[in-house]
Amino acid sequence: MPITPSVDTHRCPLCGQANQCATVAGAPPETCWCMTAQVSPAALARVPPALRGATCLCPACAAPQPEKPEPPARDTAPI
């Protein structure tokens, strides 16, 4: 029989902080912060496969991160 690791459904699988999940706290799902927040697809992709669908991200990890601007092109012409 395979051993399933215990999952703390109150913790974010990416950072380990409290995920503030209303459903886990016993409140109706529609009251959860995630129902009105934009959740980053990149953050969801970072959740380990074994934890997908088992626990929620925290608001900080779920938030879309601003894209880093491209560094300015360097002039490679000889001086």
C-alpha atoms as a PDB file:
ATOM      1  CA  MET A   1       0.000   0.000   0.000  1.00  0.00           C
ATOM      2  CA  PRO A   2       1.522   3.377  -0.999  1.00  0.00           C
ATOM      3  CA  ILE A   3       2.221   5.886   1.731  1.00  0.00           C
ATOM      4  CA  THR A   4       0.535   9.248   1.148  1.00  0.00           C
ATOM      5  CA  PRO A   5       2.288  12.159   2.797  1.00  0.00           C
ATOM      6  CA  SER A   6       0.129  14.140   5.174  1.00  0.00           C
ATOM      7  CA  VAL A   7      -1.032  17.430   3.681  1.00  0.00           C
ATOM      8  CA  ASP A   8      -1.581  20.502   5.842  1.00  0.00           C
ATOM      9  CA  THR A   9      -4.548  22.049   4.052  1.00  0.00           C
ATOM     10  CA  HIS A  10      -4.083  25.293   6.037  1.00  0.00           C
ATOM     11  CA  ARG A  11      -0.648  25.923   4.459  1.00  0.00           C
ATOM     12  CA  CYS A  12       0.440  27.119   1.022  1.00  0.00           C
ATOM     13  CA  PRO A  13       2.293  24.344  -0.834  1.00  0.00           C
ATOM     14  CA  LEU A  14       4.799  26.875  -2.225  1.00  0.00           C
ATOM     15  CA  CYS A  15       5.858  28.934   0.802  1.00  0.00           C
ATOM     16  CA  GLY A  16       4.389  27.090   3.800  1.00  0.00           C
ATOM     17  CA  GLN A  17       2.547  30.156   5.133  1.00  0.00           C
ATOM     18  CA  ALA A  18      -1.151  30.147   6.060  1.00  0.00           C
ATOM     19  CA  ASN A  19      -3.187  30.019   2.839  1.00  0.00           C
ATOM     20  CA  GLN A  20      -6.234  31.814   4.318  1.00  0.00           C
ATOM     21  CA  CYS A  21      -8.599  29.294   2.697  1.00  0.00           C
ATOM     22  CA  ALA A  22     -12.177  29.980   3.755  1.00  0.00           C
ATOM     23  CA  THR A  23     -13.321  26.471   2.836  1.00  0.00           C
ATOM     24  CA  VAL A  24     -10.710  24.826   5.060  1.00  0.00           C
ATOM     25  CA  ALA A  25     -11.800  27.162   7.856  1.00  0.00           C
ATOM     26  CA  GLY A  26     -15.381  25.916   7.445  1.00  0.00           C
ATOM     27  CA  ALA A  27     -16.793  28.930   5.595  1.00  0.00           C
ATOM     28  CA  PRO A  28     -18.697  28.729   2.298  1.00  0.00           C
ATOM     29  CA  PRO A  29     -16.374  28.473  -0.749  1.00  0.00           C
ATOM     30  CA  GLU A  30     -17.794  31.639  -2.292  1.00  0.00           C
ATOM     31  CA  THR A  31     -16.405  33.645   0.652  1.00  0.00           C
ATOM     32  CA  CYS A  32     -12.807  32.635  -0.036  1.00  0.00           C
ATOM     33  CA  TRP A  33     -10.333  35.287  -1.212  1.00  0.00           C
ATOM     34  CA  CYS A  34      -9.501  33.183  -4.278  1.00  0.00           C
ATOM     35  CA  MET A  35     -12.999  33.530  -5.706  1.00  0.00           C
ATOM     36  CA  THR A  36     -12.374  37.176  -6.581  1.00  0.00           C
ATOM     37  CA  ALA A  37      -8.581  37.148  -7.026  1.00  0.00           C
ATOM     38  CA  GLN A  38      -6.566  36.700 -10.176  1.00  0.00           C
ATOM     39  CA  VAL A  39      -4.479  33.554  -9.653  1.00  0.00           C
ATOM     40  CA  SER A  40      -1.232  33.249 -11.565  1.00  0.00           C
ATOM     41  CA  PRO A  41      -1.084  30.251 -13.938  1.00  0.00           C
ATOM     42  CA  ALA A  42       2.688  30.217 -13.346  1.00  0.00           C
ATOM     43  CA  ALA A  43       2.121  29.832  -9.591  1.00  0.00           C
ATOM     44  CA  LEU A  44      -0.315  26.978 -10.148  1.00  0.00           C
ATOM     45  CA  ALA A  45       2.255  25.268 -12.382  1.00  0.00           C
ATOM     46  CA  ARG A  46       4.820  25.399  -9.537  1.00  0.00           C
ATOM     47  CA  VAL A  47       2.594  23.380  -7.170  1.00  0.00           C
ATOM     48  CA  PRO A  48       4.069  19.886  -6.812  1.00  0.00           C
ATOM     49  CA  PRO A  49       1.876  17.346  -8.633  1.00  0.00           C
ATOM     50  CA  ALA A  50       1.176  15.402  -5.423  1.00  0.00           C
ATOM     51  CA  LEU A  51      -0.319  18.534  -3.815  1.00  0.00           C
ATOM     52  CA  ARG A  52      -2.451  19.761  -6.730  1.00  0.00           C
ATOM     53  CA  GLY A  53      -6.082  19.827  -5.711  1.00  0.00           C
ATOM     54  CA  ALA A  54      -5.140  18.974  -2.124  1.00  0.00           C
ATOM     55  CA  THR A  55      -4.291  22.402  -0.693  1.00  0.00           C
ATOM     56  CA  CYS A  56      -4.567  26.046  -1.697  1.00  0.00           C
ATOM     57  CA  LEU A  57      -2.013  28.715  -2.460  1.00  0.00           C
ATOM     58  CA  CYS A  58      -1.736  31.744  -0.205  1.00  0.00           C
ATOM     59  CA  PRO A  59      -2.679  35.160  -1.637  1.00  0.00           C
ATOM     60  CA  ALA A  60       0.965  36.228  -1.974  1.00  0.00           C
ATOM     61  CA  CYS A  61       2.041  33.160  -3.959  1.00  0.00           C
ATOM     62  CA  ALA A  62      -1.129  33.163  -6.058  1.00  0.00           C
ATOM     63  CA  ALA A  63      -0.776  36.799  -7.137  1.00  0.00           C
ATOM     64  CA  PRO A  64       0.549  37.422 -10.631  1.00  0.00           C
ATOM     65  CA  GLN A  65       4.113  38.626 -10.481  1.00  0.00           C
ATOM     66  CA  PRO A  66       5.143  41.616 -12.599  1.00  0.00           C
ATOM     67  CA  GLU A  67       7.269  40.658 -15.552  1.00  0.00           C
ATOM     68  CA  LYS A  68      10.889  41.658 -15.301  1.00  0.00           C
ATOM     69  CA  PRO A  69      11.784  44.221 -17.947  1.00  0.00           C
ATOM     70  CA  GLU A  70      14.300  43.224 -20.565  1.00  0.00           C
ATOM     71  CA  PRO A  71      17.728  44.726 -19.909  1.00  0.00           C
ATOM     72  CA  PRO A  72      18.634  47.469 -22.366  1.00  0.00           C
ATOM     73  CA  ALA A  73      20.512  46.294 -25.444  1.00  0.00           C
ATOM     74  CA  ARG A  74      24.212  46.951 -25.187  1.00  0.00           C
ATOM     75  CA  ASP A  75      25.918  48.658 -28.049  1.00  0.00           C
ATOM     76  CA  THR A  76      28.543  46.223 -29.280  1.00  0.00           C
ATOM     77  CA  ALA A  77      30.027  48.563 -31.883  1.00  0.00           C
ATOM     78  CA  PRO A  78      33.760  49.171 -31.532  1.00  0.00           C
ATOM     79  CA  ILE A  79      34.794  52.465 -29.990  1.00  0.00           C
END
